[in-house]
Amino acid sequence: MKSSSEIIQESKLLELKTPNKLKSGESKISTPELKKIFYIEAKKYFKNRHREFQVDNENKRFLDIFCKYFSKDLEFEKLYEGELQKGLLIIGPHGTGKTSVLEIIQIVSLKYNIKQIWYPIKPTIEIVGEFNRSEGTTKDNIIQYYSKGKYLFDDLGAEKDASNYGKENIFERILELRYNNFKSKGIITHLTTNLTLKELQTRYGNRVFDRIHEMFNILELKGNSRRF
């Protein structure tokens, strides 16, 4: 049985106007609309995992910035000095909900037909696994494949170096290529990581680190682990 608070939240959703249709056939949504829908879907998402979605002092500001970004709200740039044409790099300790909030945005995109906020999520560990299982020129094909199109690479830094006649950090190559596509075509990349900025610099080198600042709005999701 739904709680009274859940019923109230869902009734508020019914009061929302249907998102306006863009000429491309995609839907656009305001920040207040996205926040309400996100809250409802987050409650369901965490309930299915026997957990509770909570907005607290550690994540409240983050969620405001996060929803402004995905609703393409110009206040994201005015209030938070972000750039809407860049992707998101979400950093923070283990278990704070970095991957979860992005998976919820995917749910919202599919359920409410808001196509412009959709992106595939791919754990970095899986990409390295694909690379290691391939042979010869197929290895380079994998690098080229993940250098194109909009992607979220989850848990950057958790992957081990790939095997390629020795050890190779393939995400140096992928991020370099995606930087070129960002500059030439505006292709957006999203990342999550448990590493600090200093650790990213050490792991992927100064060249990639410089490009990170050009490609990403860097958001930190603080707090203790929410995996309970």
Protein backbone atom coordinates (compact mmCIF):
# COMPACT_ATOMS: atom_id res chain seq x y z
CA MET A 1 0.00 0.00 0.00
CA LYS A 2 1.28 3.46 -0.89
CA SER A 3 1.98 5.93 1.88
CA SER A 4 0.10 9.22 2.03
CA SER A 5 3.25 11.11 1.03
CA GLU A 6 3.68 8.94 -2.07
CA ILE A 7 0.04 9.49 -3.05
CA ILE A 8 0.43 13.25 -2.64
CA GLN A 9 3.59 13.29 -4.74
CA GLU A 10 1.98 11.25 -7.52
CA SER A 11 -1.10 13.48 -7.52
CA LYS A 12 1.19 16.47 -7.99
CA LEU A 13 2.71 14.73 -11.00
CA LEU A 14 -0.72 14.43 -12.59
CA GLU A 15 -1.07 18.20 -12.34
CA LEU A 16 2.02 18.74 -14.48
CA LYS A 17 1.48 19.92 -18.01
CA THR A 18 2.44 17.51 -20.76
CA PRO A 19 6.00 18.45 -21.81
CA ASN A 20 6.05 20.62 -24.94
CA LYS A 21 7.07 18.85 -28.12
CA LEU A 22 10.12 20.12 -29.97
CA LYS A 23 10.34 20.11 -33.75
CA SER A 24 12.72 17.16 -33.54
CA GLY A 25 9.99 15.11 -31.87
CA GLU A 26 11.75 15.20 -28.51
CA SER A 27 10.13 16.54 -25.37
CA LYS A 28 11.49 19.34 -23.28
CA ILE A 29 10.81 19.71 -19.61
CA SER A 30 11.18 22.49 -17.05
CA THR A 31 13.29 22.14 -13.93
CA PRO A 32 10.27 22.04 -11.56
CA GLU A 33 8.64 19.33 -13.69
CA LEU A 34 11.83 17.28 -13.83
CA LYS A 35 12.35 17.58 -10.07
CA LYS A 36 8.85 16.27 -9.35
CA ILE A 37 9.15 13.39 -11.77
CA PHE A 38 12.65 12.57 -10.59
CA TYR A 39 11.47 12.46 -6.97
CA ILE A 40 8.64 10.04 -7.79
CA GLU A 41 10.84 7.73 -9.87
CA ALA A 42 13.64 7.88 -7.29
CA LYS A 43 11.25 6.74 -4.56
CA LYS A 44 10.23 3.76 -6.70
CA TYR A 45 13.82 3.00 -7.73
CA PHE A 46 15.09 2.81 -4.16
CA LYS A 47 12.00 1.05 -2.86
CA ASN A 48 12.61 -1.75 -5.37
CA ARG A 49 16.05 -2.10 -3.81
CA HIS A 50 14.63 -2.13 -0.28
CA ARG A 51 16.09 1.28 0.43
CA GLU A 52 14.69 4.75 0.96
CA PHE A 53 15.31 7.79 -1.21
CA GLN A 54 16.26 10.72 0.96
CA VAL A 55 17.00 14.34 0.19
CA ASP A 56 19.40 15.57 2.86
CA ASN A 57 21.87 18.37 3.48
CA GLU A 58 24.56 16.44 1.63
CA ASN A 59 22.70 15.90 -1.65
CA LYS A 60 20.05 18.66 -1.82
CA ARG A 61 22.21 21.19 -3.66
CA PHE A 62 23.63 18.49 -5.92
CA LEU A 63 20.14 17.35 -6.99
CA ASP A 64 19.13 20.94 -7.74
CA ILE A 65 22.17 21.44 -9.98
CA PHE A 66 21.68 17.98 -11.51
CA CYS A 67 18.05 18.63 -12.49
CA LYS A 68 18.88 22.09 -13.85
CA TYR A 69 21.51 20.51 -16.07
CA PHE A 70 19.22 17.86 -17.55
CA SER A 71 16.34 20.28 -18.08
CA LYS A 72 18.79 22.57 -19.92
CA ASP A 73 17.94 25.36 -17.50
CA LEU A 74 20.04 28.49 -18.11
CA GLU A 75 20.21 28.95 -14.35
CA PHE A 76 22.67 26.06 -14.39
CA GLU A 77 25.09 28.43 -16.09
CA LYS A 78 24.10 31.60 -14.23
CA LEU A 79 23.93 30.28 -10.68
CA TYR A 80 26.48 27.48 -10.79
CA GLU A 81 28.83 28.73 -13.52
CA GLY A 82 28.33 25.52 -15.48
CA GLU A 83 28.21 25.03 -19.24
CA LEU A 84 25.27 23.13 -20.70
CA GLN A 85 27.21 22.01 -23.76
CA LYS A 86 29.60 20.03 -21.56
CA GLY A 87 29.02 16.65 -19.96
CA LEU A 88 28.96 15.80 -16.25
CA LEU A 89 31.81 14.36 -14.22
CA ILE A 90 30.29 13.25 -10.91
CA ILE A 91 32.84 12.56 -8.21
CA GLY A 92 32.37 11.36 -4.65
CA PRO A 93 32.99 8.51 -2.22
CA HIS A 94 31.67 4.96 -2.64
CA GLY A 95 27.94 4.55 -2.13
CA THR A 96 26.79 8.18 -2.27
CA GLY A 97 24.42 7.49 -5.19
CA LYS A 98 26.36 8.71 -8.23
CA THR A 99 25.30 5.87 -10.49
CA SER A 100 21.78 5.70 -9.05
CA VAL A 101 20.84 9.29 -9.93
CA LEU A 102 21.98 8.74 -13.50
CA GLU A 103 20.07 5.47 -13.80
CA ILE A 104 16.96 7.28 -12.55
CA ILE A 105 17.40 9.91 -15.27
CA GLN A 106 17.43 7.06 -17.79
CA ILE A 107 14.15 5.79 -16.35
CA VAL A 108 12.63 9.25 -16.60
CA SER A 109 13.83 9.58 -20.19
CA LEU A 110 12.21 6.31 -21.28
CA LYS A 111 9.02 6.58 -19.25
CA TYR A 112 8.23 10.19 -20.15
CA ASN A 113 9.70 10.18 -23.67
CA ILE A 114 12.30 12.85 -22.98
CA LYS A 115 14.76 11.60 -25.56
CA GLN A 116 17.41 14.30 -25.26
CA ILE A 117 18.41 13.20 -21.74
CA TRP A 118 18.95 9.56 -22.75
CA TYR A 119 22.46 8.08 -22.87
CA PRO A 120 23.83 4.52 -22.63
CA ILE A 121 25.53 3.64 -19.32
CA LYS A 122 28.63 1.48 -19.61
CA PRO A 123 30.83 0.47 -16.67
CA THR A 124 34.51 1.02 -17.45
CA ILE A 125 35.27 -2.48 -16.14
CA GLU A 126 33.06 -4.02 -18.86
CA ILE A 127 34.78 -2.07 -21.64
CA VAL A 128 38.20 -3.27 -20.49
CA GLY A 129 36.78 -6.80 -20.37
CA GLU A 130 35.59 -6.51 -23.99
CA PHE A 131 39.00 -5.21 -25.00
CA ASN A 132 40.84 -8.05 -23.26
CA ARG A 133 38.64 -10.72 -24.88
CA SER A 134 39.20 -9.35 -28.38
CA GLU A 135 42.15 -9.92 -30.66
CA GLY A 136 44.12 -8.01 -33.26
CA THR A 137 42.37 -5.17 -35.04
CA THR A 138 39.18 -5.83 -33.04
CA LYS A 139 40.87 -4.23 -30.05
CA ASP A 140 41.22 -0.96 -31.93
CA ASN A 141 37.61 -1.28 -33.12
CA ILE A 142 36.48 -1.31 -29.49
CA ILE A 143 38.44 1.88 -28.78
CA GLN A 144 36.90 3.54 -31.83
CA TYR A 145 33.39 2.33 -30.95
CA TYR A 146 33.42 3.88 -27.48
CA SER A 147 34.95 7.10 -28.75
CA LYS A 148 31.73 7.95 -30.61
CA GLY A 149 28.20 8.87 -29.57
CA LYS A 150 26.86 10.03 -26.22
CA TYR A 151 27.92 7.80 -23.31
CA LEU A 152 28.10 7.62 -19.55
CA PHE A 153 31.18 5.71 -18.44
CA ASP A 154 30.49 4.51 -14.93
CA ASP A 155 33.12 4.13 -12.21
CA LEU A 156 36.13 5.53 -14.02
CA GLY A 157 39.25 4.39 -12.20
CA ALA A 158 37.80 1.06 -11.07
CA GLU A 159 38.99 -0.64 -14.26
CA LYS A 160 42.36 -2.38 -14.45
CA ASP A 161 44.81 -1.66 -17.22
CA ALA A 162 43.99 -3.63 -20.36
CA SER A 163 46.17 -6.37 -21.82
CA ASN A 164 47.72 -5.47 -25.18
CA TYR A 165 51.22 -6.98 -25.43
CA GLY A 166 51.71 -5.55 -21.97
CA LYS A 167 49.53 -3.25 -19.92
CA GLU A 168 47.64 -0.34 -21.50
CA ASN A 169 45.37 2.30 -19.98
CA ILE A 170 42.78 2.29 -22.75
CA PHE A 171 40.72 5.07 -21.19
CA GLU A 172 43.53 7.51 -21.87
CA ARG A 173 42.95 6.75 -25.56
CA ILE A 174 39.15 6.74 -25.32
CA LEU A 175 39.00 10.07 -23.50
CA GLU A 176 41.50 11.63 -25.92
CA LEU A 177 39.38 10.56 -28.89
CA ARG A 178 36.17 11.68 -27.21
CA TYR A 179 37.79 15.05 -26.52
CA ASN A 180 38.45 15.42 -30.26
CA ASN A 181 34.80 14.54 -31.00
CA PHE A 182 33.64 16.97 -28.31
CA LYS A 183 35.63 19.80 -29.89
CA SER A 184 34.67 19.00 -33.49
CA LYS A 185 31.10 17.66 -33.09
CA GLY A 186 29.93 18.60 -29.60
CA ILE A 187 29.67 14.93 -28.55
CA ILE A 188 28.91 14.75 -24.82
CA THR A 189 30.47 12.34 -22.35
CA HIS A 190 29.33 11.73 -18.76
CA LEU A 191 31.55 10.11 -16.12
CA THR A 192 31.25 8.90 -12.55
CA THR A 193 34.25 8.17 -10.39
CA ASN A 194 35.25 7.45 -6.81
CA LEU A 195 38.63 9.06 -7.46
CA THR A 196 39.54 12.59 -6.46
CA LEU A 197 40.65 15.06 -9.12
CA LYS A 198 44.26 14.60 -8.01
CA GLU A 199 43.91 10.82 -8.33
CA LEU A 200 42.43 11.21 -11.82
CA GLN A 201 45.41 13.32 -12.82
CA THR A 202 47.83 10.68 -11.50
CA ARG A 203 45.95 7.79 -13.14
CA TYR A 204 45.30 9.27 -16.59
CA GLY A 205 48.04 11.88 -16.96
CA ASN A 206 48.21 15.65 -17.32
CA ARG A 207 47.05 15.70 -20.93
CA VAL A 208 43.76 13.89 -20.20
CA PHE A 209 43.36 15.84 -16.95
CA ASP A 210 43.51 19.16 -18.84
CA ARG A 211 40.85 17.91 -21.25
CA ILE A 212 38.61 16.84 -18.37
CA HIS A 213 38.21 20.48 -17.37
CA GLU A 214 37.26 21.40 -20.94
CA MET A 215 34.80 18.53 -21.42
CA PHE A 216 33.00 18.34 -18.07
CA ASN A 217 31.05 20.17 -15.46
CA ILE A 218 32.53 18.70 -12.29
CA LEU A 219 29.91 17.94 -9.62
CA GLU A 220 30.64 16.41 -6.24
CA LEU A 221 28.11 14.17 -4.50
CA LYS A 222 29.05 14.14 -0.84
CA GLY A 223 27.85 12.19 2.16
CA ASN A 224 28.16 8.85 3.83
CA SER A 225 27.31 5.66 1.97
CA ARG A 226 23.61 5.44 1.08
CA ARG A 227 23.86 1.70 0.43
CA PHE A 228 21.73 0.52 3.32
